[in-house]
C-alpha atoms as a PDB file:
ATOM      1  CA  MET A   1      -8.603  14.028  14.181  1.00  0.00           C
ATOM      2  CA  ASP A   2      -8.394  15.488  10.692  1.00  0.00           C
ATOM      3  CA  ILE A   3      -8.523  12.851   7.932  1.00  0.00           C
ATOM      4  CA  MET A   4      -5.272  14.101   6.365  1.00  0.00           C
ATOM      5  CA  GLU A   5      -3.590  13.697   9.760  1.00  0.00           C
ATOM      6  CA  THR A   6      -4.991  10.164  10.007  1.00  0.00           C
ATOM      7  CA  ILE A   7      -3.601   9.304   6.579  1.00  0.00           C
ATOM      8  CA  ARG A   8      -0.220  10.800   7.470  1.00  0.00           C
ATOM      9  CA  GLU A   9      -0.085   8.761  10.684  1.00  0.00           C
ATOM     10  CA  GLN A  10      -0.991   5.573   8.797  1.00  0.00           C
ATOM     11  CA  VAL A  11       1.640   6.180   6.114  1.00  0.00           C
ATOM     12  CA  GLU A  12       4.372   7.161   8.572  1.00  0.00           C
ATOM     13  CA  GLY A  13       3.419   4.624  11.241  1.00  0.00           C
ATOM     14  CA  ASN A  14       3.617   1.522   9.050  1.00  0.00           C
ATOM     15  CA  PRO A  15       6.738   0.445   7.181  1.00  0.00           C
ATOM     16  CA  ILE A  16       4.476  -1.053   4.492  1.00  0.00           C
ATOM     17  CA  ILE A  17       0.863  -0.055   3.937  1.00  0.00           C
ATOM     18  CA  LEU A  18      -1.439  -0.786   1.053  1.00  0.00           C
ATOM     19  CA  TYR A  19      -4.573   1.216   0.375  1.00  0.00           C
ATOM     20  CA  MET A  20      -6.793  -1.125  -1.589  1.00  0.00           C
ATOM     21  CA  LYS A  21     -10.332  -2.120  -2.468  1.00  0.00           C
ATOM     22  CA  GLY A  22     -11.262  -4.956  -0.140  1.00  0.00           C
ATOM     23  CA  SER A  23      -8.864  -6.969   1.977  1.00  0.00           C
ATOM     24  CA  PRO A  24      -5.874  -9.182   1.204  1.00  0.00           C
ATOM     25  CA  ASN A  25      -8.131 -12.241   1.623  1.00  0.00           C
ATOM     26  CA  GLN A  26     -10.945 -10.732  -0.447  1.00  0.00           C
ATOM     27  CA  PRO A  27      -9.731  -8.073  -2.869  1.00  0.00           C
ATOM     28  CA  GLN A  28     -12.659  -6.279  -4.501  1.00  0.00           C
ATOM     29  CA  CYS A  29     -11.039  -5.428  -7.833  1.00  0.00           C
ATOM     30  CA  GLY A  30      -8.546  -6.985 -10.189  1.00  0.00           C
ATOM     31  CA  PHE A  31      -5.932  -4.289  -9.641  1.00  0.00           C
ATOM     32  CA  SER A  32      -6.005  -4.816  -5.875  1.00  0.00           C
ATOM     33  CA  ALA A  33      -5.857  -8.597  -6.395  1.00  0.00           C
ATOM     34  CA  ARG A  34      -2.767  -8.369  -8.623  1.00  0.00           C
ATOM     35  CA  THR A  35      -1.077  -5.973  -6.202  1.00  0.00           C
ATOM     36  CA  ILE A  36      -1.794  -8.269  -3.242  1.00  0.00           C
ATOM     37  CA  GLU A  37      -0.415 -11.238  -5.164  1.00  0.00           C
ATOM     38  CA  ALA A  38       2.862  -9.405  -5.812  1.00  0.00           C
ATOM     39  CA  LEU A  39       3.126  -8.030  -2.283  1.00  0.00           C
ATOM     40  CA  THR A  40       2.305 -11.262  -0.438  1.00  0.00           C
ATOM     41  CA  SER A  41       4.860 -13.157  -2.515  1.00  0.00           C
ATOM     42  CA  CYS A  42       7.517 -11.078  -0.734  1.00  0.00           C
ATOM     43  CA  GLY A  43       6.698 -13.008   2.436  1.00  0.00           C
ATOM     44  CA  GLU A  44       6.493 -10.080   4.847  1.00  0.00           C
ATOM     45  CA  ARG A  45       3.646  -8.659   6.900  1.00  0.00           C
ATOM     46  CA  PHE A  46       2.093  -5.365   5.874  1.00  0.00           C
ATOM     47  CA  ALA A  47      -0.753  -3.102   6.890  1.00  0.00           C
ATOM     48  CA  TYR A  48      -3.701  -2.399   4.659  1.00  0.00           C
ATOM     49  CA  VAL A  49      -6.698  -0.103   4.561  1.00  0.00           C
ATOM     50  CA  ASP A  50      -9.887  -1.060   2.752  1.00  0.00           C
ATOM     51  CA  ILE A  51     -10.887   2.184   1.053  1.00  0.00           C
ATOM     52  CA  LEU A  52     -14.360   0.822   0.298  1.00  0.00           C
ATOM     53  CA  SER A  53     -15.186   0.742   4.003  1.00  0.00           C
ATOM     54  CA  ASN A  54     -13.316   4.027   4.641  1.00  0.00           C
ATOM     55  CA  PRO A  55     -14.949   6.565   2.287  1.00  0.00           C
ATOM     56  CA  GLU A  56     -13.160   9.549   3.871  1.00  0.00           C
ATOM     57  CA  ILE A  57      -9.783   7.984   3.176  1.00  0.00           C
ATOM     58  CA  ARG A  58     -10.922   7.006  -0.319  1.00  0.00           C
ATOM     59  CA  ALA A  59     -11.924  10.615  -1.007  1.00  0.00           C
ATOM     60  CA  ASN A  60      -8.829  12.268   0.493  1.00  0.00           C
ATOM     61  CA  LEU A  61      -5.891   9.926  -0.133  1.00  0.00           C
ATOM     62  CA  PRO A  62      -5.597  10.960  -3.807  1.00  0.00           C
ATOM     63  CA  LYS A  63      -5.117  14.574  -2.654  1.00  0.00           C
ATOM     64  CA  TYR A  64      -2.614  13.553   0.017  1.00  0.00           C
ATOM     65  CA  ALA A  65      -0.659  11.360  -2.389  1.00  0.00           C
ATOM     66  CA  ASN A  66      -1.133  13.404  -5.539  1.00  0.00           C
ATOM     67  CA  TRP A  67      -2.001  10.024  -7.092  1.00  0.00           C
ATOM     68  CA  PRO A  68      -5.552   9.535  -8.373  1.00  0.00           C
ATOM     69  CA  THR A  69      -6.015   5.759  -8.414  1.00  0.00           C
ATOM     70  CA  PHE A  70      -6.101   2.725  -6.143  1.00  0.00           C
ATOM     71  CA  PRO A  71      -4.467   0.572  -4.971  1.00  0.00           C
ATOM     72  CA  GLN A  72      -1.616   2.617  -3.537  1.00  0.00           C
ATOM     73  CA  LEU A  73       1.446   0.995  -1.979  1.00  0.00           C
ATOM     74  CA  TRP A  74       3.476   3.026   0.491  1.00  0.00           C
ATOM     75  CA  ILE A  75       6.841   1.857   1.840  1.00  0.00           C
ATOM     76  CA  ASN A  76       8.717   3.787   4.507  1.00  0.00           C
ATOM     77  CA  GLY A  77       6.422   6.784   4.065  1.00  0.00           C
ATOM     78  CA  GLU A  78       6.979   6.977   0.310  1.00  0.00           C
ATOM     79  CA  LEU A  79       4.392   6.276  -2.364  1.00  0.00           C
ATOM     80  CA  ILE A  80       5.687   3.436  -4.505  1.00  0.00           C
ATOM     81  CA  GLY A  81       2.740   3.437  -6.890  1.00  0.00           C
ATOM     82  CA  GLY A  82      -0.229   1.437  -8.050  1.00  0.00           C
ATOM     83  CA  CYS A  83      -0.821  -1.982  -9.523  1.00  0.00           C
ATOM     84  CA  ASP A  84       1.232  -1.694 -12.712  1.00  0.00           C
ATOM     85  CA  ILE A  85       4.284  -0.291 -10.920  1.00  0.00           C
ATOM     86  CA  VAL A  86       4.097  -2.852  -8.093  1.00  0.00           C
ATOM     87  CA  VAL A  87       3.689  -5.795 -10.496  1.00  0.00           C
ATOM     88  CA  GLU A  88       6.554  -4.545 -12.669  1.00  0.00           C
ATOM     89  CA  MET A  89       8.816  -4.134  -9.623  1.00  0.00           C
ATOM     90  CA  HIS A  90       7.853  -7.640  -8.492  1.00  0.00           C
ATOM     91  CA  GLU A  91       8.716  -9.118 -11.897  1.00  0.00           C
ATOM     92  CA  LYS A  92      12.138  -7.435 -11.780  1.00  0.00           C
ATOM     93  CA  GLY A  93      12.791  -8.617  -8.201  1.00  0.00           C
ATOM     94  CA  GLU A  94      12.889  -5.035  -6.927  1.00  0.00           C
ATOM     95  CA  LEU A  95       9.753  -5.255  -4.788  1.00  0.00           C
ATOM     96  CA  ALA A  96      10.966  -8.072  -2.531  1.00  0.00           C
ATOM     97  CA  GLU A  97      14.234  -6.233  -1.922  1.00  0.00           C
ATOM     98  CA  LEU A  98      12.432  -2.993  -1.024  1.00  0.00           C
ATOM     99  CA  VAL A  99       9.939  -4.790   1.236  1.00  0.00           C
ATOM    100  CA  LYS A 100      12.637  -6.731   3.100  1.00  0.00           C
ATOM    101  CA  LYS A 101      14.665  -3.544   3.679  1.00  0.00           C
ATOM    102  CA  ALA A 102      11.587  -1.762   5.031  1.00  0.00           C
ATOM    103  CA  VAL A 103      10.806  -4.599   7.430  1.00  0.00           C
ATOM    104  CA  SER A 104      14.392  -4.972   8.659  1.00  0.00           C
ATOM    105  CA  SER A 105      14.780  -1.210   9.247  1.00  0.00           C
ATOM    106  CA  ALA A 106      11.463  -1.142  11.143  1.00  0.00           C
ATOM    107  CA  GLU A 107      12.625  -3.962  13.415  1.00  0.00           C
ATOM    108  CA  LYS A 108      15.705  -2.051  14.528  1.00  0.00           C
END
């Protein structure tokens, strides 16, 4: 399968997916750690892809997303953004609302 097709299936097949360096239990950079902190505080399950162990995804996701940096949070097939955007949304209470909507619509 083509790597762009794989990325598309991951993004469209998961209500919430985070492309990050490392894992939620062991983030490998400060930006991923801050993003995980904000996302896990929402209390919902989410998918993740460790781009360090997936070099093809790491190389091609920026082209797919038209977004050059990591981490990248996708909700309902839409790129939300990176660390700064996610943390800001969390501080405003917007992230939890968006995450809960995504989870409840996926359960239907």
